Amino acid sequence: MNLIIAILQEVNIDEKLKGAPDSGYGVGVFIGSLLPFLILVGLAYIVYRYNKNRYKDE
């Protein structure tokens, strides 16, 4: 199942940039490629802080 998802999510960024309507499209592709990673990092940090504070109170 993970293999299917990985294949479907595979994106060729160079191809998208070549077919872009203008130069601003590259910024959107860059942000869109980093956004999932930043969300996961933020979620991990929130979980870390929550657990750290919970153990500190005990």
Protein backbone atom coordinates (compact mmCIF):
# COMPACT_ATOMS: atom_id res chain seq x y z
CA MET A 1 0.00 0.00 0.00
CA ASN A 2 2.83 2.41 0.84
CA LEU A 3 4.48 1.63 -2.48
CA ILE A 4 1.36 2.65 -4.37
CA ILE A 5 1.12 5.92 -2.47
CA ALA A 6 4.80 6.64 -3.04
CA ILE A 7 4.44 6.06 -6.77
CA LEU A 8 1.38 8.30 -6.98
CA GLN A 9 3.07 11.09 -5.04
CA GLU A 10 6.27 11.05 -7.09
CA VAL A 11 6.56 14.44 -8.72
CA ASN A 12 9.05 15.56 -11.34
CA ILE A 13 9.71 19.16 -10.36
CA ASP A 14 11.89 19.90 -13.40
CA GLU A 15 9.04 18.98 -15.71
CA LYS A 16 6.64 21.25 -13.84
CA LEU A 17 9.06 24.18 -13.99
CA LYS A 18 9.58 23.77 -17.75
CA GLY A 19 5.82 23.92 -18.36
CA ALA A 20 5.27 26.82 -15.96
CA PRO A 21 3.30 29.83 -17.16
CA ASP A 22 5.67 32.33 -15.47
CA SER A 23 8.67 32.52 -13.12
CA GLY A 24 6.53 32.88 -9.99
CA TYR A 25 5.40 29.28 -10.41
CA GLY A 26 8.81 28.07 -9.24
CA VAL A 27 8.33 29.70 -5.84
CA GLY A 28 5.01 27.89 -5.43
CA VAL A 29 6.54 24.55 -6.35
CA PHE A 30 9.36 25.12 -3.85
CA ILE A 31 6.97 26.03 -1.03
CA GLY A 32 4.67 23.14 -1.92
CA SER A 33 7.53 20.66 -1.77
CA LEU A 34 8.69 21.90 1.67
CA LEU A 35 5.26 22.33 3.26
CA PRO A 36 4.59 18.66 4.15
CA PHE A 37 8.03 18.39 5.76
CA LEU A 38 7.51 21.56 7.80
CA ILE A 39 4.10 20.37 8.99
CA LEU A 40 5.59 17.07 10.18
CA VAL A 41 8.43 18.86 11.97
CA GLY A 42 5.96 21.20 13.66
CA LEU A 43 3.75 18.30 14.74
CA ALA A 44 6.75 16.42 16.14
CA TYR A 45 7.81 19.50 18.10
CA ILE A 46 4.33 19.94 19.56
CA VAL A 47 4.24 16.30 20.67
CA TYR A 48 7.73 16.64 22.15
CA ARG A 49 6.82 19.77 24.15
CA TYR A 50 3.57 18.21 25.37
CA ASN A 51 5.33 15.08 26.62
CA LYS A 52 8.20 17.05 28.14
CA ASN A 53 5.80 19.24 30.12
CA ARG A 54 3.70 16.26 31.16
CA TYR A 55 6.68 14.39 32.64
CA LYS A 56 7.96 17.59 34.27
CA ASP A 57 4.71 17.96 36.23
CA GLU A 58 4.90 14.43 37.67
